[in-house]
Amino acid sequence: MRVIPLNAEAISTLPFRIDLRGAQIVERPAGPRAKIYSVSRAEKPLLMIYAGPQSDYPIYDGEQATVAGRTSIILSDGGVRRAVEHLFRRDDAQPADIHVWLITTDGADGALAEQIGQSVDPR
């Protein structure tokens, strides 16, 4: 089955804003009350986004920081700190959780994934 990236109109209806920086986003199969999206560039997976009632946060084990309504997991590797996971938990909105996690964390692709992940913001 061929996966078709979301077009600009479909992206504008997502429950979050995102700066794709030239990457593509597709919707993946999920449960009836949740949506899962994958972001990739040139078929290289960069990050995933869950929007639904209850996420499996955290995936990564690292330093936790809460800033501006977002809880993030920060990893350090070789002196490089990278925000690899973000959670927006909202009791008064649907979807209640928007959970972003990087698939690629190394090199230039990891830096791009981090930039895209940090651009996610609930609508």
C-alpha atoms as a PDB file:
ATOM      1  CA  MET A   1       0.000   0.000   0.000  1.00  0.00           C
ATOM      2  CA  ARG A   2       1.417   3.368  -1.050  1.00  0.00           C
ATOM      3  CA  VAL A   3       1.469   6.031   1.654  1.00  0.00           C
ATOM      4  CA  ILE A   4       0.556   9.524   0.462  1.00  0.00           C
ATOM      5  CA  PRO A   5       1.898  12.546   2.383  1.00  0.00           C
ATOM      6  CA  LEU A   6      -0.660  14.991   3.741  1.00  0.00           C
ATOM      7  CA  ASN A   7      -1.248  18.060   1.589  1.00  0.00           C
ATOM      8  CA  ALA A   8      -1.271  21.665   2.865  1.00  0.00           C
ATOM      9  CA  GLU A   9      -5.029  21.618   3.459  1.00  0.00           C
ATOM     10  CA  ALA A  10      -4.871  18.426   5.545  1.00  0.00           C
ATOM     11  CA  ILE A  11      -1.883  19.767   7.499  1.00  0.00           C
ATOM     12  CA  SER A  12      -3.868  22.910   8.316  1.00  0.00           C
ATOM     13  CA  THR A  13      -6.544  20.777  10.041  1.00  0.00           C
ATOM     14  CA  LEU A  14      -4.140  18.867  12.309  1.00  0.00           C
ATOM     15  CA  PRO A  15      -4.590  19.484  16.055  1.00  0.00           C
ATOM     16  CA  PHE A  16      -1.076  20.975  16.090  1.00  0.00           C
ATOM     17  CA  ARG A  17       1.080  23.353  14.078  1.00  0.00           C
ATOM     18  CA  ILE A  18       4.339  22.047  12.641  1.00  0.00           C
ATOM     19  CA  ASP A  19       7.191  23.448  10.554  1.00  0.00           C
ATOM     20  CA  LEU A  20       8.156  20.530   8.336  1.00  0.00           C
ATOM     21  CA  ARG A  21      11.312  22.206   6.948  1.00  0.00           C
ATOM     22  CA  GLY A  22      10.948  20.320   3.675  1.00  0.00           C
ATOM     23  CA  ALA A  23       9.990  16.971   5.238  1.00  0.00           C
ATOM     24  CA  GLN A  24       6.698  15.145   4.689  1.00  0.00           C
ATOM     25  CA  ILE A  25       4.040  14.028   7.162  1.00  0.00           C
ATOM     26  CA  VAL A  26       1.742  11.019   6.786  1.00  0.00           C
ATOM     27  CA  GLU A  27      -1.018   9.630   8.962  1.00  0.00           C
ATOM     28  CA  ARG A  28      -0.474   6.063  10.197  1.00  0.00           C
ATOM     29  CA  PRO A  29      -3.073   3.557  11.404  1.00  0.00           C
ATOM     30  CA  ALA A  30      -4.155   4.141  15.021  1.00  0.00           C
ATOM     31  CA  GLY A  31      -7.040   3.482  17.382  1.00  0.00           C
ATOM     32  CA  PRO A  32     -10.508   5.014  17.043  1.00  0.00           C
ATOM     33  CA  ARG A  33      -9.791   7.982  19.362  1.00  0.00           C
ATOM     34  CA  ALA A  34      -6.131   8.569  18.426  1.00  0.00           C
ATOM     35  CA  LYS A  35      -4.044   9.562  15.432  1.00  0.00           C
ATOM     36  CA  ILE A  36      -0.396   8.798  14.757  1.00  0.00           C
ATOM     37  CA  TYR A  37       1.711  10.724  12.254  1.00  0.00           C
ATOM     38  CA  SER A  38       5.199  10.064  10.942  1.00  0.00           C
ATOM     39  CA  VAL A  39       7.508  12.726   9.573  1.00  0.00           C
ATOM     40  CA  SER A  40      10.245  11.778   7.131  1.00  0.00           C
ATOM     41  CA  ARG A  41      12.578  13.259   4.549  1.00  0.00           C
ATOM     42  CA  ALA A  42      13.628  11.290   1.499  1.00  0.00           C
ATOM     43  CA  GLU A  43      12.096   8.171   3.080  1.00  0.00           C
ATOM     44  CA  LYS A  44      14.293   8.605   6.186  1.00  0.00           C
ATOM     45  CA  PRO A  45      12.035   8.519   9.286  1.00  0.00           C
ATOM     46  CA  LEU A  46      12.683  11.533  11.521  1.00  0.00           C
ATOM     47  CA  LEU A  47       9.965  11.637  14.182  1.00  0.00           C
ATOM     48  CA  MET A  48       6.521  10.463  15.221  1.00  0.00           C
ATOM     49  CA  ILE A  49       3.554  12.350  16.660  1.00  0.00           C
ATOM     50  CA  TYR A  50       0.700  10.866  18.679  1.00  0.00           C
ATOM     51  CA  ALA A  51      -2.512  12.845  19.198  1.00  0.00           C
ATOM     52  CA  GLY A  52      -5.030  11.123  21.436  1.00  0.00           C
ATOM     53  CA  PRO A  53      -6.383  10.506  24.926  1.00  0.00           C
ATOM     54  CA  GLN A  54      -3.334   8.922  26.633  1.00  0.00           C
ATOM     55  CA  SER A  55       0.212   8.608  25.299  1.00  0.00           C
ATOM     56  CA  ASP A  56       2.968   6.206  26.330  1.00  0.00           C
ATOM     57  CA  TYR A  57       5.190   9.052  27.537  1.00  0.00           C
ATOM     58  CA  PRO A  58       8.110   8.890  28.137  1.00  0.00           C
ATOM     59  CA  ILE A  59       9.808   6.629  25.643  1.00  0.00           C
ATOM     60  CA  TYR A  60      13.338   7.905  26.301  1.00  0.00           C
ATOM     61  CA  ASP A  61      15.085   7.953  29.676  1.00  0.00           C
ATOM     62  CA  GLY A  62      16.775  11.298  30.202  1.00  0.00           C
ATOM     63  CA  GLU A  63      16.612  14.671  31.884  1.00  0.00           C
ATOM     64  CA  GLN A  64      13.055  16.007  32.068  1.00  0.00           C
ATOM     65  CA  ALA A  65      12.294  19.716  31.621  1.00  0.00           C
ATOM     66  CA  THR A  66       8.957  21.543  31.592  1.00  0.00           C
ATOM     67  CA  VAL A  67       8.767  24.816  29.665  1.00  0.00           C
ATOM     68  CA  ALA A  68       5.777  26.685  28.207  1.00  0.00           C
ATOM     69  CA  GLY A  69       3.258  23.865  28.701  1.00  0.00           C
ATOM     70  CA  ARG A  70       5.509  21.216  27.207  1.00  0.00           C
ATOM     71  CA  THR A  71       7.398  18.509  29.083  1.00  0.00           C
ATOM     72  CA  SER A  72      10.541  17.438  27.229  1.00  0.00           C
ATOM     73  CA  ILE A  73      13.141  14.720  27.579  1.00  0.00           C
ATOM     74  CA  ILE A  74      16.720  15.878  26.970  1.00  0.00           C
ATOM     75  CA  LEU A  75      19.565  13.474  26.169  1.00  0.00           C
ATOM     76  CA  SER A  76      23.272  14.271  26.199  1.00  0.00           C
ATOM     77  CA  ASP A  77      25.640  12.427  23.892  1.00  0.00           C
ATOM     78  CA  GLY A  78      29.234  13.461  23.419  1.00  0.00           C
ATOM     79  CA  GLY A  79      28.551  16.934  24.776  1.00  0.00           C
ATOM     80  CA  VAL A  80      25.552  17.449  22.485  1.00  0.00           C
ATOM     81  CA  ARG A  81      22.203  17.987  24.225  1.00  0.00           C
ATOM     82  CA  ARG A  82      19.177  17.053  22.177  1.00  0.00           C
ATOM     83  CA  ALA A  83      15.474  17.368  23.005  1.00  0.00           C
ATOM     84  CA  VAL A  84      14.266  13.958  21.830  1.00  0.00           C
ATOM     85  CA  GLU A  85      10.724  13.885  23.143  1.00  0.00           C
ATOM     86  CA  HIS A  86       7.925  16.340  23.975  1.00  0.00           C
ATOM     87  CA  LEU A  87       4.535  15.970  25.615  1.00  0.00           C
ATOM     88  CA  PHE A  88       1.669  18.432  25.701  1.00  0.00           C
ATOM     89  CA  ARG A  89      -0.886  17.162  28.234  1.00  0.00           C
ATOM     90  CA  ARG A  90      -4.087  19.213  28.213  1.00  0.00           C
ATOM     91  CA  ASP A  91      -7.009  18.452  30.489  1.00  0.00           C
ATOM     92  CA  ASP A  92      -9.298  20.953  28.769  1.00  0.00           C
ATOM     93  CA  ALA A  93      -8.722  20.122  25.085  1.00  0.00           C
ATOM     94  CA  GLN A  94      -8.998  17.323  22.560  1.00  0.00           C
ATOM     95  CA  PRO A  95      -6.801  15.541  21.893  1.00  0.00           C
ATOM     96  CA  ALA A  96      -5.690  15.547  25.525  1.00  0.00           C
ATOM     97  CA  ASP A  97      -2.133  14.423  24.676  1.00  0.00           C
ATOM     98  CA  ILE A  98       0.129  15.458  21.842  1.00  0.00           C
ATOM     99  CA  HIS A  99       3.315  13.422  22.115  1.00  0.00           C
ATOM    100  CA  VAL A 100       6.311  13.968  19.824  1.00  0.00           C
ATOM    101  CA  TRP A 101       9.355  11.683  19.774  1.00  0.00           C
ATOM    102  CA  LEU A 102      12.390  11.546  17.547  1.00  0.00           C
ATOM    103  CA  ILE A 103      13.182   8.395  15.606  1.00  0.00           C
ATOM    104  CA  THR A 104      16.489   9.760  14.318  1.00  0.00           C
ATOM    105  CA  THR A 105      18.730  11.352  16.937  1.00  0.00           C
ATOM    106  CA  ASP A 106      22.187  11.398  15.301  1.00  0.00           C
ATOM    107  CA  GLY A 107      23.938  13.724  12.883  1.00  0.00           C
ATOM    108  CA  ALA A 108      22.282  16.203  10.531  1.00  0.00           C
ATOM    109  CA  ASP A 109      19.075  14.150  10.315  1.00  0.00           C
ATOM    110  CA  GLY A 110      18.853  14.136  14.116  1.00  0.00           C
ATOM    111  CA  ALA A 111      19.312  17.909  14.200  1.00  0.00           C
ATOM    112  CA  LEU A 112      16.550  18.324  11.599  1.00  0.00           C
ATOM    113  CA  ALA A 113      14.263  15.960  13.522  1.00  0.00           C
ATOM    114  CA  GLU A 114      14.869  17.972  16.695  1.00  0.00           C
ATOM    115  CA  GLN A 115      14.079  21.274  14.927  1.00  0.00           C
ATOM    116  CA  ILE A 116      10.848  19.882  13.486  1.00  0.00           C
ATOM    117  CA  GLY A 117       9.889  18.307  16.824  1.00  0.00           C
ATOM    118  CA  GLN A 118      10.434  21.573  18.667  1.00  0.00           C
ATOM    119  CA  SER A 119       8.222  23.386  16.150  1.00  0.00           C
ATOM    120  CA  VAL A 120       5.153  21.316  17.130  1.00  0.00           C
ATOM    121  CA  ASP A 121       2.616  23.382  19.057  1.00  0.00           C
ATOM    122  CA  PRO A 122      -1.034  22.536  19.850  1.00  0.00           C
ATOM    123  CA  ARG A 123      -3.723  24.535  18.041  1.00  0.00           C
END
